[in-house]
Amino acid sequence: MQFAQVPPMPYDQLREINAWRRVLYLTELLGQDPARYDGFGYGNISQRVEQSSGVADQPRFVISGTQTGYLADLTEEHYATVLACYPERNLVVAEGPTWPSSETMTHGMVYAVDESVRSAIHVHSPHIWRAARALGIPATDESVAQGTPAMAEEVRRLFRDTQVRDRLIFAMGGHVDGVVSFGRSVEEAGGVVISTLARAFQMEA
């Protein structure tokens, strides 16, 4: 990680992403629970931002900070800006008031392989994850760990070899309950995961 401590992005630029982050927190798709995942915070959300600065040929995006899941509400102090991701070097270049989520490389690859994507969301949903195959949701290889260069390459594979562009969602096969949705807006990415959760609930009824 190459990280520079700089002042936060103005909150006006974070209103939409932060509103959806609160929806995910209230639906427990993102958060922190002592009884789940060894008590660690889970889930994160990102949004592509204009390339006014940063690294050429690299998607620039804002993402919720590492281990902020326990907070019901975030402020501008809880978001980092990612300037570049280099999975082949296991390197993330970022700046802001806080370090970016450990899943940053996964988000970065989603943006890198599809320029139309404006937002990506990583949630934890046992309901969606268990029903992924039945729902026809593409999944990464079960042997691949989250937050790694190998996971980024698995994302590339899904975009190349599956219908994930049409589904706008995939499961993380080796990351219990991990699911990633994406879309041309934060609203689309959030709507996909909420509607998929409803479909998973229907299968359980």
N, C-alpha and C. Protein backbone atom coordinates (compact mmCIF):
# COMPACT_ATOMS: atom_id res chain seq x y z
N MET A 1 0.84 -1.19 0.00
CA MET A 1 0.00 0.00 0.00
C MET A 1 0.88 1.25 0.00
N GLN A 2 0.60 2.14 -0.93
CA GLN A 2 1.19 3.48 -0.90
C GLN A 2 0.07 4.43 -0.52
N PHE A 3 0.18 5.05 0.64
CA PHE A 3 -0.92 5.86 1.16
C PHE A 3 -0.40 7.22 1.61
N ALA A 4 -1.11 8.27 1.20
CA ALA A 4 -0.78 9.64 1.61
C ALA A 4 -1.92 10.19 2.44
N GLN A 5 -1.60 10.72 3.62
CA GLN A 5 -2.61 11.32 4.49
C GLN A 5 -2.91 12.72 3.98
N VAL A 6 -4.12 12.92 3.49
CA VAL A 6 -4.53 14.22 2.96
C VAL A 6 -5.93 14.53 3.48
N PRO A 7 -6.37 15.79 3.37
CA PRO A 7 -7.72 16.15 3.83
C PRO A 7 -8.79 15.36 3.07
N PRO A 8 -9.96 15.20 3.67
CA PRO A 8 -11.03 14.41 3.03
C PRO A 8 -11.64 15.09 1.83
N MET A 9 -12.30 14.30 1.02
CA MET A 9 -13.10 14.81 -0.09
C MET A 9 -14.29 15.58 0.49
N PRO A 10 -14.73 16.68 -0.13
CA PRO A 10 -15.91 17.40 0.38
C PRO A 10 -17.12 16.49 0.50
N TYR A 11 -17.87 16.64 1.59
CA TYR A 11 -18.98 15.72 1.85
C TYR A 11 -20.04 15.77 0.75
N ASP A 12 -20.23 16.92 0.11
CA ASP A 12 -21.23 17.02 -0.95
C ASP A 12 -21.00 15.98 -2.05
N GLN A 13 -19.75 15.59 -2.26
CA GLN A 13 -19.43 14.60 -3.28
C GLN A 13 -19.66 13.17 -2.80
N LEU A 14 -20.00 13.01 -1.52
CA LEU A 14 -20.16 11.69 -0.93
C LEU A 14 -21.60 11.40 -0.50
N ARG A 15 -22.51 12.33 -0.73
CA ARG A 15 -23.87 12.17 -0.22
C ARG A 15 -24.56 10.91 -0.73
N GLU A 16 -24.46 10.65 -2.03
CA GLU A 16 -25.15 9.50 -2.60
C GLU A 16 -24.57 8.19 -2.08
N ILE A 17 -23.26 8.06 -2.14
CA ILE A 17 -22.64 6.81 -1.69
C ILE A 17 -22.89 6.60 -0.20
N ASN A 18 -22.88 7.69 0.58
CA ASN A 18 -23.07 7.55 2.02
C ASN A 18 -24.52 7.18 2.35
N ALA A 19 -25.47 7.67 1.56
CA ALA A 19 -26.87 7.31 1.78
C ALA A 19 -27.07 5.81 1.55
N TRP A 20 -26.47 5.29 0.47
CA TRP A 20 -26.60 3.86 0.21
C TRP A 20 -25.82 3.03 1.22
N ARG A 21 -24.72 3.57 1.70
CA ARG A 21 -23.98 2.86 2.74
C ARG A 21 -24.85 2.69 3.99
N ARG A 22 -25.65 3.70 4.31
CA ARG A 22 -26.55 3.60 5.47
C ARG A 22 -27.64 2.55 5.23
N VAL A 23 -28.17 2.47 4.02
CA VAL A 23 -29.16 1.44 3.68
C VAL A 23 -28.57 0.05 3.92
N LEU A 24 -27.34 -0.15 3.48
CA LEU A 24 -26.68 -1.45 3.64
C LEU A 24 -26.45 -1.76 5.11
N TYR A 25 -26.11 -0.74 5.89
CA TYR A 25 -25.90 -0.94 7.33
C TYR A 25 -27.22 -1.34 8.01
N LEU A 26 -28.30 -0.65 7.67
CA LEU A 26 -29.59 -0.92 8.31
C LEU A 26 -30.14 -2.28 7.93
N THR A 27 -29.78 -2.79 6.76
CA THR A 27 -30.23 -4.12 6.34
C THR A 27 -29.23 -5.20 6.74
N GLU A 28 -28.20 -4.82 7.47
CA GLU A 28 -27.17 -5.74 7.99
C GLU A 28 -26.40 -6.45 6.88
N LEU A 29 -26.37 -5.85 5.70
CA LEU A 29 -25.53 -6.36 4.63
C LEU A 29 -24.09 -5.87 4.78
N LEU A 30 -23.93 -4.94 5.64
CA LEU A 30 -22.64 -4.32 5.95
C LEU A 30 -22.68 -3.97 7.43
N GLY A 31 -21.60 -4.14 8.15
CA GLY A 31 -21.61 -3.79 9.56
C GLY A 31 -20.54 -4.49 10.36
N GLN A 32 -20.86 -4.74 11.62
CA GLN A 32 -19.96 -5.47 12.51
C GLN A 32 -20.79 -6.13 13.59
N ASP A 33 -20.48 -7.41 13.83
CA ASP A 33 -21.24 -8.21 14.78
C ASP A 33 -20.27 -9.15 15.48
N PRO A 34 -20.19 -9.09 16.82
CA PRO A 34 -19.25 -9.97 17.54
C PRO A 34 -19.45 -11.45 17.24
N ALA A 35 -20.67 -11.82 16.81
CA ALA A 35 -20.97 -13.22 16.55
C ALA A 35 -20.67 -13.65 15.12
N ARG A 36 -20.24 -12.73 14.28
CA ARG A 36 -19.99 -13.04 12.87
C ARG A 36 -18.57 -12.66 12.47
N TYR A 37 -17.91 -13.51 11.70
CA TYR A 37 -16.62 -13.20 11.07
C TYR A 37 -15.56 -12.77 12.09
N ASP A 38 -15.54 -13.48 13.21
CA ASP A 38 -14.56 -13.22 14.27
C ASP A 38 -14.63 -11.78 14.80
N GLY A 39 -15.78 -11.18 14.66
CA GLY A 39 -15.98 -9.84 15.20
C GLY A 39 -15.47 -8.71 14.33
N PHE A 40 -14.90 -9.03 13.17
CA PHE A 40 -14.39 -7.98 12.29
C PHE A 40 -15.52 -7.31 11.53
N GLY A 41 -15.32 -6.03 11.20
CA GLY A 41 -16.26 -5.33 10.35
C GLY A 41 -16.30 -5.97 8.98
N TYR A 42 -17.43 -5.85 8.29
CA TYR A 42 -17.58 -6.46 6.98
C TYR A 42 -18.33 -5.55 6.04
N GLY A 43 -18.01 -5.64 4.77
CA GLY A 43 -18.70 -4.88 3.73
C GLY A 43 -18.05 -3.53 3.46
N ASN A 44 -18.19 -3.07 2.22
CA ASN A 44 -17.65 -1.77 1.83
C ASN A 44 -18.33 -1.31 0.56
N ILE A 45 -18.17 -0.05 0.24
CA ILE A 45 -18.87 0.54 -0.90
C ILE A 45 -17.95 1.53 -1.57
N SER A 46 -18.03 1.61 -2.91
CA SER A 46 -17.17 2.53 -3.64
C SER A 46 -17.93 3.18 -4.79
N GLN A 47 -17.34 4.27 -5.28
CA GLN A 47 -17.94 5.00 -6.39
C GLN A 47 -16.82 5.62 -7.23
N ARG A 48 -16.92 5.45 -8.54
CA ARG A 48 -15.94 6.06 -9.44
C ARG A 48 -16.05 7.58 -9.38
N VAL A 49 -14.93 8.26 -9.43
CA VAL A 49 -14.92 9.72 -9.43
C VAL A 49 -14.15 10.20 -10.65
N GLU A 50 -14.36 11.46 -10.99
CA GLU A 50 -13.73 12.01 -12.20
C GLU A 50 -12.22 11.99 -12.09
N GLN A 51 -11.56 11.75 -13.20
CA GLN A 51 -10.11 11.60 -13.25
C GLN A 51 -9.44 12.97 -13.42
N SER A 52 -9.69 13.88 -12.47
CA SER A 52 -9.06 15.20 -12.52
C SER A 52 -7.59 15.12 -12.11
N SER A 53 -7.26 14.08 -11.35
CA SER A 53 -5.87 13.85 -10.97
C SER A 53 -5.71 12.36 -10.76
N GLY A 54 -4.51 11.95 -10.47
CA GLY A 54 -4.27 10.53 -10.24
C GLY A 54 -3.34 9.95 -11.27
N VAL A 55 -3.51 8.68 -11.58
CA VAL A 55 -2.60 7.97 -12.46
C VAL A 55 -3.29 7.69 -13.79
N ALA A 56 -2.62 8.02 -14.88
CA ALA A 56 -3.20 7.79 -16.21
C ALA A 56 -3.52 6.31 -16.40
N ASP A 57 -4.66 6.05 -17.08
CA ASP A 57 -5.09 4.69 -17.42
C ASP A 57 -5.47 3.87 -16.19
N GLN A 58 -5.72 4.52 -15.07
CA GLN A 58 -6.13 3.82 -13.86
C GLN A 58 -7.46 4.40 -13.39
N PRO A 59 -8.46 3.56 -13.09
CA PRO A 59 -9.72 4.09 -12.56
C PRO A 59 -9.49 4.73 -11.20
N ARG A 60 -10.12 5.85 -10.97
CA ARG A 60 -10.02 6.57 -9.70
C ARG A 60 -11.36 6.45 -9.00
N PHE A 61 -11.36 6.05 -7.74
CA PHE A 61 -12.63 5.87 -7.05
C PHE A 61 -12.48 6.13 -5.56
N VAL A 62 -13.59 6.47 -4.95
CA VAL A 62 -13.64 6.69 -3.51
C VAL A 62 -14.24 5.43 -2.89
N ILE A 63 -13.71 5.03 -1.72
CA ILE A 63 -14.16 3.80 -1.08
C ILE A 63 -14.19 3.98 0.43
N SER A 64 -15.12 3.29 1.08
CA SER A 64 -15.20 3.38 2.54
C SER A 64 -13.93 2.83 3.17
N GLY A 65 -13.55 3.39 4.30
CA GLY A 65 -12.29 3.06 4.94
C GLY A 65 -12.29 1.69 5.60
N THR A 66 -11.11 1.16 5.83
CA THR A 66 -10.96 -0.13 6.45
C THR A 66 -11.54 -0.16 7.86
N GLN A 67 -12.23 -1.24 8.18
CA GLN A 67 -12.82 -1.47 9.50
C GLN A 67 -13.67 -0.30 10.00
N THR A 68 -14.58 0.16 9.11
CA THR A 68 -15.56 1.18 9.50
C THR A 68 -16.95 0.57 9.64
N GLY A 69 -17.05 -0.75 9.53
CA GLY A 69 -18.34 -1.41 9.54
C GLY A 69 -19.15 -1.19 10.80
N TYR A 70 -18.47 -0.96 11.93
CA TYR A 70 -19.19 -0.80 13.19
C TYR A 70 -19.93 0.52 13.29
N LEU A 71 -19.64 1.45 12.41
CA LEU A 71 -20.25 2.78 12.48
C LEU A 71 -21.58 2.82 11.73
N ALA A 72 -22.61 3.33 12.39
CA ALA A 72 -23.92 3.46 11.74
C ALA A 72 -23.89 4.53 10.67
N ASP A 73 -23.14 5.59 10.90
CA ASP A 73 -23.06 6.70 9.96
C ASP A 73 -21.60 7.06 9.74
N LEU A 74 -21.25 7.28 8.48
CA LEU A 74 -19.90 7.71 8.14
C LEU A 74 -19.90 9.20 7.80
N THR A 75 -18.74 9.81 7.93
CA THR A 75 -18.53 11.19 7.49
C THR A 75 -17.46 11.17 6.41
N GLU A 76 -17.10 12.35 5.93
CA GLU A 76 -16.05 12.42 4.92
C GLU A 76 -14.71 11.90 5.43
N GLU A 77 -14.56 11.84 6.76
CA GLU A 77 -13.31 11.35 7.35
C GLU A 77 -13.15 9.84 7.20
N HIS A 78 -14.21 9.16 6.77
CA HIS A 78 -14.19 7.70 6.70
C HIS A 78 -14.07 7.15 5.28
N TYR A 79 -13.72 8.01 4.32
CA TYR A 79 -13.57 7.57 2.94
C TYR A 79 -12.17 7.89 2.42
N ALA A 80 -11.63 6.98 1.63
CA ALA A 80 -10.33 7.17 0.99
C ALA A 80 -10.54 7.24 -0.52
N THR A 81 -9.61 7.88 -1.19
CA THR A 81 -9.62 7.94 -2.65
C THR A 81 -8.51 7.05 -3.19
N VAL A 82 -8.87 6.14 -4.06
CA VAL A 82 -7.90 5.22 -4.66
C VAL A 82 -7.46 5.78 -6.01
N LEU A 83 -6.17 5.96 -6.16
CA LEU A 83 -5.60 6.54 -7.37
C LEU A 83 -5.16 5.48 -8.37
N ALA A 84 -4.80 4.29 -7.89
CA ALA A 84 -4.36 3.23 -8.79
C ALA A 84 -4.34 1.89 -8.07
N CYS A 85 -4.56 0.83 -8.83
CA CYS A 85 -4.44 -0.54 -8.32
C CYS A 85 -3.59 -1.34 -9.29
N TYR A 86 -2.60 -2.05 -8.76
CA TYR A 86 -1.72 -2.89 -9.57
C TYR A 86 -1.72 -4.30 -8.98
N PRO A 87 -2.71 -5.12 -9.32
CA PRO A 87 -2.77 -6.48 -8.75
C PRO A 87 -1.50 -7.29 -9.00
N GLU A 88 -0.90 -7.10 -10.16
CA GLU A 88 0.30 -7.88 -10.49
C GLU A 88 1.47 -7.55 -9.56
N ARG A 89 1.40 -6.39 -8.90
CA ARG A 89 2.43 -5.99 -7.93
C ARG A 89 1.89 -6.01 -6.50
N ASN A 90 0.63 -6.42 -6.34
CA ASN A 90 -0.03 -6.41 -5.03
C ASN A 90 0.06 -5.02 -4.41
N LEU A 91 -0.26 -4.01 -5.21
CA LEU A 91 -0.06 -2.61 -4.80
C LEU A 91 -1.32 -1.79 -5.03
N VAL A 92 -1.70 -1.03 -4.00
CA VAL A 92 -2.77 -0.04 -4.09
C VAL A 92 -2.16 1.31 -3.75
N VAL A 93 -2.50 2.32 -4.55
CA VAL A 93 -2.06 3.69 -4.29
C VAL A 93 -3.29 4.50 -3.91
N ALA A 94 -3.29 5.08 -2.72
CA ALA A 94 -4.49 5.77 -2.22
C ALA A 94 -4.11 6.98 -1.39
N GLU A 95 -5.11 7.82 -1.15
CA GLU A 95 -4.91 8.99 -0.30
C GLU A 95 -6.22 9.31 0.41
N GLY A 96 -6.12 10.12 1.45
CA GLY A 96 -7.30 10.51 2.19
C GLY A 96 -7.04 10.58 3.68
N PRO A 97 -8.08 10.73 4.48
CA PRO A 97 -7.94 10.79 5.93
C PRO A 97 -7.85 9.41 6.58
N THR A 98 -8.21 8.35 5.82
CA THR A 98 -8.20 6.99 6.37
C THR A 98 -7.77 6.01 5.29
N TRP A 99 -7.25 4.86 5.71
CA TRP A 99 -6.83 3.83 4.75
C TRP A 99 -8.06 3.21 4.09
N PRO A 100 -7.95 2.83 2.82
CA PRO A 100 -9.08 2.22 2.13
C PRO A 100 -9.34 0.78 2.59
N SER A 101 -10.51 0.29 2.27
CA SER A 101 -10.90 -1.08 2.60
C SER A 101 -9.89 -2.10 2.07
N SER A 102 -9.81 -3.21 2.77
CA SER A 102 -8.91 -4.30 2.35
C SER A 102 -9.38 -4.94 1.05
N GLU A 103 -10.61 -4.67 0.63
CA GLU A 103 -11.14 -5.23 -0.61
C GLU A 103 -10.93 -4.29 -1.80
N THR A 104 -10.06 -3.29 -1.65
CA THR A 104 -9.88 -2.28 -2.67
C THR A 104 -9.49 -2.86 -4.03
N MET A 105 -8.61 -3.85 -4.05
CA MET A 105 -8.19 -4.41 -5.33
C MET A 105 -9.33 -5.07 -6.09
N THR A 106 -10.27 -5.67 -5.35
CA THR A 106 -11.44 -6.27 -5.99
C THR A 106 -12.27 -5.20 -6.68
N HIS A 107 -12.53 -4.11 -5.95
CA HIS A 107 -13.27 -2.99 -6.54
C HIS A 107 -12.52 -2.44 -7.75
N GLY A 108 -11.21 -2.27 -7.59
CA GLY A 108 -10.42 -1.69 -8.66
C GLY A 108 -10.50 -2.49 -9.95
N MET A 109 -10.50 -3.82 -9.83
CA MET A 109 -10.59 -4.65 -11.03
C MET A 109 -11.95 -4.52 -11.70
N VAL A 110 -13.02 -4.41 -10.92
CA VAL A 110 -14.36 -4.22 -11.50
C VAL A 110 -14.36 -2.96 -12.36
N TYR A 111 -13.80 -1.87 -11.83
CA TYR A 111 -13.75 -0.62 -12.60
C TYR A 111 -12.83 -0.75 -13.81
N ALA A 112 -11.73 -1.48 -13.66
CA ALA A 112 -10.74 -1.59 -14.73
C ALA A 112 -11.28 -2.35 -15.94
N VAL A 113 -12.09 -3.38 -15.70
CA VAL A 113 -12.55 -4.22 -16.81
C VAL A 113 -13.83 -3.72 -17.45
N ASP A 114 -14.52 -2.76 -16.82
CA ASP A 114 -15.76 -2.24 -17.41
C ASP A 114 -15.87 -0.75 -17.11
N GLU A 115 -15.61 0.06 -18.12
CA GLU A 115 -15.62 1.51 -17.93
C GLU A 115 -17.00 2.07 -17.63
N SER A 116 -18.05 1.30 -17.89
CA SER A 116 -19.41 1.79 -17.62
C SER A 116 -19.77 1.70 -16.14
N VAL A 117 -19.02 0.92 -15.37
CA VAL A 117 -19.32 0.75 -13.94
C VAL A 117 -18.96 2.02 -13.19
N ARG A 118 -19.93 2.52 -12.44
CA ARG A 118 -19.72 3.73 -11.64
C ARG A 118 -19.70 3.45 -10.15
N SER A 119 -20.12 2.25 -9.74
CA SER A 119 -20.16 1.92 -8.32
C SER A 119 -20.04 0.42 -8.13
N ALA A 120 -19.39 0.03 -7.03
CA ALA A 120 -19.29 -1.37 -6.65
C ALA A 120 -19.55 -1.50 -5.15
N ILE A 121 -20.21 -2.58 -4.77
CA ILE A 121 -20.60 -2.79 -3.38
C ILE A 121 -20.24 -4.20 -2.97
N HIS A 122 -19.54 -4.35 -1.87
CA HIS A 122 -19.23 -5.67 -1.31
C HIS A 122 -20.01 -5.83 -0.02
N VAL A 123 -20.89 -6.82 0.02
CA VAL A 123 -21.70 -7.06 1.21
C VAL A 123 -21.48 -8.49 1.68
N HIS A 124 -22.00 -8.79 2.85
CA HIS A 124 -22.02 -10.16 3.36
C HIS A 124 -23.47 -10.57 3.55
N SER A 125 -23.89 -11.55 2.76
CA SER A 125 -25.27 -12.03 2.84
C SER A 125 -25.27 -13.55 2.79
N PRO A 126 -25.49 -14.22 3.93
CA PRO A 126 -25.58 -15.67 3.88
C PRO A 126 -26.72 -16.15 2.99
N HIS A 127 -27.78 -15.36 2.89
CA HIS A 127 -28.95 -15.76 2.08
C HIS A 127 -28.58 -15.79 0.59
N ILE A 128 -27.98 -14.71 0.10
CA ILE A 128 -27.59 -14.67 -1.31
C ILE A 128 -26.48 -15.69 -1.58
N TRP A 129 -25.50 -15.74 -0.70
CA TRP A 129 -24.33 -16.59 -0.91
C TRP A 129 -24.72 -18.06 -1.02
N ARG A 130 -25.61 -18.51 -0.13
CA ARG A 130 -26.03 -19.91 -0.17
C ARG A 130 -26.86 -20.23 -1.40
N ALA A 131 -27.58 -19.23 -1.91
CA ALA A 131 -28.48 -19.45 -3.05
C ALA A 131 -27.84 -19.07 -4.38
N ALA A 132 -26.56 -18.71 -4.37
CA ALA A 132 -25.92 -18.17 -5.57
C ALA A 132 -26.07 -19.09 -6.78
N ARG A 133 -25.80 -20.37 -6.60
CA ARG A 133 -25.88 -21.29 -7.73
C ARG A 133 -27.32 -21.38 -8.25
N ALA A 134 -28.27 -21.50 -7.34
CA ALA A 134 -29.67 -21.62 -7.74
C ALA A 134 -30.16 -20.35 -8.43
N LEU A 135 -29.60 -19.21 -8.03
CA LEU A 135 -29.99 -17.93 -8.62
C LEU A 135 -29.23 -17.62 -9.90
N GLY A 136 -28.29 -18.49 -10.26
CA GLY A 136 -27.50 -18.26 -11.47
C GLY A 136 -26.48 -17.16 -11.35
N ILE A 137 -25.99 -16.94 -10.13
CA ILE A 137 -25.02 -15.89 -9.89
C ILE A 137 -23.61 -16.44 -10.10
N PRO A 138 -22.80 -15.83 -10.96
CA PRO A 138 -21.43 -16.29 -11.14
C PRO A 138 -20.65 -16.20 -9.82
N ALA A 139 -19.65 -17.06 -9.69
CA ALA A 139 -18.87 -17.09 -8.45
C ALA A 139 -17.39 -17.23 -8.74
N THR A 140 -16.58 -16.61 -7.89
CA THR A 140 -15.14 -16.78 -7.98
C THR A 140 -14.75 -18.15 -7.44
N ASP A 141 -13.55 -18.58 -7.77
CA ASP A 141 -13.05 -19.89 -7.35
C ASP A 141 -12.99 -19.99 -5.83
N GLU A 142 -13.43 -21.12 -5.30
CA GLU A 142 -13.47 -21.31 -3.85
C GLU A 142 -12.09 -21.28 -3.20
N SER A 143 -11.04 -21.52 -3.97
CA SER A 143 -9.69 -21.56 -3.40
C SER A 143 -9.05 -20.18 -3.29
N VAL A 144 -9.72 -19.16 -3.80
CA VAL A 144 -9.13 -17.82 -3.85
C VAL A 144 -9.61 -16.98 -2.67
N ALA A 145 -8.66 -16.40 -1.93
CA ALA A 145 -8.97 -15.59 -0.75
C ALA A 145 -9.33 -14.16 -1.15
N GLN A 146 -10.11 -13.52 -0.29
CA GLN A 146 -10.55 -12.16 -0.54
C GLN A 146 -9.40 -11.17 -0.40
N GLY A 147 -9.54 -10.04 -1.09
CA GLY A 147 -8.59 -8.96 -0.94
C GLY A 147 -7.21 -9.23 -1.50
N THR A 148 -7.08 -10.21 -2.36
CA THR A 148 -5.77 -10.62 -2.87
C THR A 148 -5.67 -10.33 -4.37
N PRO A 149 -4.44 -10.30 -4.91
CA PRO A 149 -4.29 -10.19 -6.36
C PRO A 149 -5.00 -11.32 -7.09
N ALA A 150 -5.00 -12.52 -6.50
CA ALA A 150 -5.69 -13.65 -7.13
C ALA A 150 -7.18 -13.39 -7.24
N MET A 151 -7.78 -12.74 -6.23
CA MET A 151 -9.20 -12.40 -6.31
C MET A 151 -9.45 -11.39 -7.42
N ALA A 152 -8.56 -10.43 -7.56
CA ALA A 152 -8.70 -9.46 -8.66
C ALA A 152 -8.67 -10.18 -10.00
N GLU A 153 -7.79 -11.15 -10.15
CA GLU A 153 -7.73 -11.90 -11.39
C GLU A 153 -8.97 -12.76 -11.60
N GLU A 154 -9.56 -13.25 -10.52
CA GLU A 154 -10.81 -13.99 -10.63
C GLU A 154 -11.93 -13.08 -11.14
N VAL A 155 -11.92 -11.83 -10.70
CA VAL A 155 -12.92 -10.88 -11.19
C VAL A 155 -12.73 -10.68 -12.70
N ARG A 156 -11.49 -10.55 -13.13
CA ARG A 156 -11.22 -10.42 -14.56
C ARG A 156 -11.76 -11.64 -15.33
N ARG A 157 -11.54 -12.82 -14.76
CA ARG A 157 -12.02 -14.04 -15.40
C ARG A 157 -13.54 -14.05 -15.52
N LEU A 158 -14.24 -13.64 -14.45
CA LEU A 158 -15.70 -13.62 -14.49
C LEU A 158 -16.21 -12.72 -15.61
N PHE A 159 -15.58 -11.56 -15.76
CA PHE A 159 -16.02 -10.63 -16.81
C PHE A 159 -15.70 -11.19 -18.20
N ARG A 160 -14.67 -12.00 -18.30
CA ARG A 160 -14.28 -12.57 -19.59
C ARG A 160 -15.11 -13.80 -19.95
N ASP A 161 -15.40 -14.65 -18.95
CA ASP A 161 -15.93 -15.98 -19.24
C ASP A 161 -17.37 -16.22 -18.82
N THR A 162 -17.99 -15.30 -18.11
CA THR A 162 -19.36 -15.52 -17.63
C THR A 162 -20.27 -14.36 -18.04
N GLN A 163 -21.52 -14.45 -17.64
CA GLN A 163 -22.51 -13.41 -17.94
C GLN A 163 -22.61 -12.37 -16.83
N VAL A 164 -21.52 -12.18 -16.09
CA VAL A 164 -21.57 -11.29 -14.93
C VAL A 164 -21.91 -9.84 -15.32
N ARG A 165 -21.54 -9.40 -16.51
CA ARG A 165 -21.87 -8.04 -16.94
C ARG A 165 -23.38 -7.83 -16.99
N ASP A 166 -24.10 -8.88 -17.35
CA ASP A 166 -25.56 -8.79 -17.42
C ASP A 166 -26.21 -8.96 -16.05
N ARG A 167 -25.59 -9.78 -15.20
CA ARG A 167 -26.17 -10.05 -13.88
C ARG A 167 -25.88 -8.94 -12.88
N LEU A 168 -24.76 -8.25 -13.05
CA LEU A 168 -24.36 -7.13 -12.17
C LEU A 168 -24.09 -7.58 -10.73
N ILE A 169 -23.78 -8.86 -10.55
CA ILE A 169 -23.53 -9.37 -9.21
C ILE A 169 -22.74 -10.68 -9.31
N PHE A 170 -21.86 -10.90 -8.35
CA PHE A 170 -21.18 -12.20 -8.27
C PHE A 170 -20.92 -12.55 -6.82
N ALA A 171 -20.79 -13.85 -6.57
CA ALA A 171 -20.47 -14.35 -5.23
C ALA A 171 -18.98 -14.62 -5.14
N MET A 172 -18.44 -14.47 -3.93
CA MET A 172 -17.03 -14.76 -3.69
C MET A 172 -16.96 -16.16 -3.11
N GLY A 173 -16.61 -17.13 -3.97
CA GLY A 173 -16.73 -18.53 -3.61
C GLY A 173 -15.94 -18.94 -2.38
N GLY A 174 -14.78 -18.34 -2.18
CA GLY A 174 -13.94 -18.71 -1.04
C GLY A 174 -14.04 -17.75 0.13
N HIS A 175 -14.98 -16.83 0.08
CA HIS A 175 -15.14 -15.80 1.12
C HIS A 175 -16.56 -15.93 1.65
N VAL A 176 -16.73 -16.59 2.78
CA VAL A 176 -18.06 -16.95 3.28
C VAL A 176 -18.98 -15.73 3.33
N ASP A 177 -20.12 -15.86 2.66
CA ASP A 177 -21.18 -14.85 2.60
C ASP A 177 -20.83 -13.65 1.75
N GLY A 178 -19.63 -13.61 1.14
CA GLY A 178 -19.22 -12.44 0.38
C GLY A 178 -19.90 -12.36 -0.98
N VAL A 179 -20.45 -11.17 -1.28
CA VAL A 179 -21.14 -10.91 -2.53
C VAL A 179 -20.74 -9.51 -3.00
N VAL A 180 -20.55 -9.35 -4.31
CA VAL A 180 -20.23 -8.04 -4.89
C VAL A 180 -21.25 -7.71 -5.96
N SER A 181 -21.84 -6.52 -5.86
CA SER A 181 -22.73 -6.02 -6.91
C SER A 181 -22.10 -4.76 -7.50
N PHE A 182 -22.54 -4.38 -8.68
CA PHE A 182 -21.98 -3.19 -9.33
C PHE A 182 -23.00 -2.66 -10.32
N GLY A 183 -22.77 -1.43 -10.78
CA GLY A 183 -23.72 -0.86 -11.72
C GLY A 183 -23.26 0.48 -12.25
N ARG A 184 -24.10 1.05 -13.09
CA ARG A 184 -23.78 2.34 -13.71
C ARG A 184 -24.04 3.51 -12.77
N SER A 185 -24.52 3.22 -11.58
CA SER A 185 -24.71 4.22 -10.53
C SER A 185 -24.71 3.50 -9.19
N VAL A 186 -24.58 4.26 -8.12
CA VAL A 186 -24.67 3.65 -6.79
C VAL A 186 -26.06 3.06 -6.60
N GLU A 187 -27.07 3.77 -7.11
CA GLU A 187 -28.45 3.30 -6.98
C GLU A 187 -28.64 1.95 -7.68
N GLU A 188 -28.07 1.80 -8.87
CA GLU A 188 -28.21 0.52 -9.57
C GLU A 188 -27.50 -0.59 -8.82
N ALA A 189 -26.26 -0.33 -8.38
CA ALA A 189 -25.51 -1.36 -7.64
C ALA A 189 -26.23 -1.75 -6.36
N GLY A 190 -26.76 -0.76 -5.63
CA GLY A 190 -27.49 -1.05 -4.40
C GLY A 190 -28.79 -1.77 -4.67
N GLY A 191 -29.49 -1.34 -5.73
CA GLY A 191 -30.75 -1.98 -6.07
C GLY A 191 -30.59 -3.44 -6.46
N VAL A 192 -29.49 -3.75 -7.14
CA VAL A 192 -29.23 -5.13 -7.54
C VAL A 192 -29.10 -6.03 -6.33
N VAL A 193 -28.33 -5.61 -5.33
CA VAL A 193 -28.12 -6.48 -4.17
C VAL A 193 -29.40 -6.61 -3.34
N ILE A 194 -30.16 -5.54 -3.23
CA ILE A 194 -31.42 -5.62 -2.46
C ILE A 194 -32.43 -6.52 -3.17
N SER A 195 -32.56 -6.38 -4.47
CA SER A 195 -33.52 -7.21 -5.21
C SER A 195 -33.08 -8.67 -5.22
N THR A 196 -31.77 -8.91 -5.28
CA THR A 196 -31.27 -10.29 -5.23
C THR A 196 -31.52 -10.90 -3.86
N LEU A 197 -31.39 -10.11 -2.82
CA LEU A 197 -31.69 -10.59 -1.47
C LEU A 197 -33.16 -11.00 -1.38
N ALA A 198 -34.05 -10.22 -1.98
CA ALA A 198 -35.48 -10.55 -1.96
C ALA A 198 -35.73 -11.87 -2.69
N ARG A 199 -35.03 -12.10 -3.80
CA ARG A 199 -35.18 -13.35 -4.53
C ARG A 199 -34.67 -14.53 -3.71
N ALA A 200 -33.56 -14.30 -2.98
CA ALA A 200 -33.04 -15.36 -2.12
C ALA A 200 -34.03 -15.70 -1.01
N PHE A 201 -34.67 -14.69 -0.44
CA PHE A 201 -35.67 -14.92 0.60
C PHE A 201 -36.85 -15.72 0.05
N GLN A 202 -37.24 -15.45 -1.19
CA GLN A 202 -38.35 -16.20 -1.79
C GLN A 202 -38.02 -17.69 -1.88
N MET A 203 -36.77 -18.00 -2.14
CA MET A 203 -36.36 -19.40 -2.28
C MET A 203 -36.36 -20.12 -0.94
N GLU A 204 -36.22 -19.34 0.15
CA GLU A 204 -36.19 -19.93 1.49
C GLU A 204 -37.60 -20.12 2.06
N ALA A 205 -38.56 -19.40 1.51
CA ALA A 205 -39.91 -19.42 2.08
C ALA A 205 -40.58 -20.79 1.87
